[in-house]
Protein backbone atom coordinates (compact mmCIF):
# COMPACT_ATOMS: atom_id res chain seq x y z
CA GLN A 1 86.37 148.76 125.15
CA VAL A 2 82.99 147.97 125.85
CA GLN A 3 81.03 147.29 128.68
CA LEU A 4 77.17 145.65 129.65
CA VAL A 5 76.16 146.28 133.34
CA GLU A 6 72.75 143.69 133.39
CA SER A 7 70.62 143.48 136.18
CA GLY A 8 67.01 142.17 136.43
CA GLY A 9 66.65 138.89 136.32
CA GLY A 10 65.27 136.49 138.54
CA LEU A 11 62.20 133.51 139.45
CA VAL A 12 59.11 134.01 138.33
CA GLN A 13 55.88 132.00 138.16
CA SER A 14 53.57 131.01 135.31
CA GLY A 15 51.31 134.45 134.28
CA GLY A 16 54.10 136.89 135.82
CA SER A 17 56.71 139.30 135.28
CA LEU A 18 60.13 140.98 135.21
CA ARG A 19 61.84 144.35 133.56
CA LEU A 20 65.38 143.12 132.82
CA SER A 21 68.11 146.56 132.65
CA CYS A 22 71.60 146.45 130.23
CA THR A 23 73.96 149.79 130.70
CA ALA A 24 76.60 150.64 128.34
CA SER A 25 79.73 152.37 129.07
CA GLY A 26 82.75 152.57 127.56
CA ARG A 27 83.43 153.38 123.54
CA ARG A 28 80.33 155.14 122.13
CA PHE A 29 79.12 154.54 118.80
CA SER A 30 77.52 156.34 115.92
CA ILE A 31 76.05 153.45 114.19
CA TYR A 32 74.34 150.69 116.78
CA SER A 33 72.30 148.73 118.27
CA MET A 34 71.33 147.34 121.48
CA GLY A 35 68.82 144.08 121.95
CA TRP A 36 68.96 141.36 124.69
CA TYR A 37 69.47 137.72 122.64
CA ARG A 38 68.21 133.98 125.41
CA GLN A 39 70.14 130.62 125.93
CA ALA A 40 68.53 128.07 127.31
CA PRO A 41 70.90 124.90 127.88
CA GLY A 42 71.39 122.62 125.34
CA GLU A 43 69.47 124.65 123.16
CA GLN A 44 71.39 127.25 120.45
CA ARG A 45 71.75 132.02 121.73
CA GLU A 46 68.33 133.13 120.13
CA LEU A 47 67.55 136.76 119.51
CA VAL A 48 64.61 138.04 122.17
CA ALA A 49 64.53 142.17 120.45
CA ARG A 50 66.56 144.93 119.41
CA ILE A 51 66.02 147.96 118.94
CA GLY A 52 68.03 150.04 116.31
CA SER A 53 69.70 153.76 116.69
CA GLY A 54 66.68 155.39 114.45
CA GLY A 55 64.07 153.62 117.64
CA GLY A 56 62.69 150.31 115.41
CA THR A 57 62.81 147.12 117.15
CA ASP A 58 62.35 144.20 116.36
CA TYR A 59 61.01 140.65 118.51
CA THR A 60 61.24 137.35 117.95
CA GLU A 61 58.09 136.02 117.02
CA SER A 62 57.88 134.11 120.30
CA VAL A 63 57.55 136.85 122.54
CA LYS A 64 55.37 139.69 120.29
CA GLY A 65 52.80 141.13 122.59
CA ARG A 66 54.55 140.41 125.85
CA PHE A 67 58.01 141.91 125.62
CA THR A 68 58.60 145.05 125.07
CA LEU A 69 62.27 146.55 124.86
CA SER A 70 62.71 150.27 125.22
CA ARG A 71 65.79 152.61 124.58
CA ASP A 72 67.18 155.66 126.44
CA ASN A 73 69.59 156.96 124.69
CA ALA A 74 71.63 159.35 126.98
CA LYS A 75 71.65 157.21 129.57
CA ASN A 76 72.78 154.12 126.66
CA ALA A 77 70.59 151.38 128.02
CA VAL A 78 67.96 148.74 127.50
CA TYR A 79 64.80 147.79 129.45
CA LEU A 80 63.46 144.75 128.69
CA GLN A 81 59.84 144.20 130.07
CA MET A 82 58.14 141.15 129.75
CA ASN A 83 55.24 140.66 130.57
CA SER A 84 53.19 136.84 130.72
CA LEU A 85 55.69 135.15 131.10
CA LYS A 86 56.29 131.34 130.52
CA PRO A 87 58.32 128.17 131.82
CA GLU A 88 60.03 128.34 127.40
CA ASP A 89 61.06 131.64 128.57
CA THR A 90 63.08 130.43 130.97
CA ALA A 91 66.92 130.71 129.51
CA VAL A 92 70.28 132.87 130.61
CA TYR A 93 69.50 136.41 128.80
CA TYR A 94 72.55 138.30 127.38
CA CYS A 95 72.69 141.88 127.07
CA ASN A 96 74.04 143.36 123.62
CA LEU A 97 75.94 146.03 121.59
CA ARG A 98 76.23 145.33 117.73
CA ALA A 99 77.76 148.29 116.08
CA TRP A 100 79.43 149.30 113.10
CA VAL A 101 83.02 149.59 113.58
CA GLY A 102 85.68 150.14 110.35
CA GLY A 103 83.55 148.48 107.83
CA SER A 104 81.98 145.90 109.77
CA TRP A 105 79.63 145.08 112.80
CA ASN A 106 81.40 143.65 115.43
CA ASP A 107 79.44 142.37 119.02
CA TYR A 108 79.79 143.63 122.02
CA TRP A 109 78.20 141.39 125.08
CA GLY A 110 76.80 141.13 128.56
CA GLN A 111 78.08 138.29 131.52
CA GLY A 112 74.14 136.89 131.38
CA THR A 113 71.89 137.08 134.18
CA GLN A 114 69.66 134.08 134.80
CA VAL A 115 65.50 134.33 134.20
CA THR A 116 63.37 131.53 135.24
CA VAL A 117 59.40 130.98 134.86
CA SER A 118 58.27 128.86 137.17
CA SER A 119 55.45 126.53 136.62
């Protein structure tokens, strides 16, 4: 099927930067988006940023101006550049690929990478 391999998480001080990478392999799709979700302890998983096939991006309000999502179609990869990190950004970050298959959207997930921002 689809495998999503993530890298780039870690521990950083408040105000610091991290770059997350996610590479997809396996089945290819013609209509799909890729992005990142995050889940903090005791919280629901939330969308951080997503980029569509055409390159359009959406960001959750709390990361606008600080995070930048980019995509390399040749490598089937997405990158999340996170600047000016805050303690509230601490969470497990999951790469997501959403593909249009057989008349419905299907979600594929990476294993998650921990991002910890210390104050």
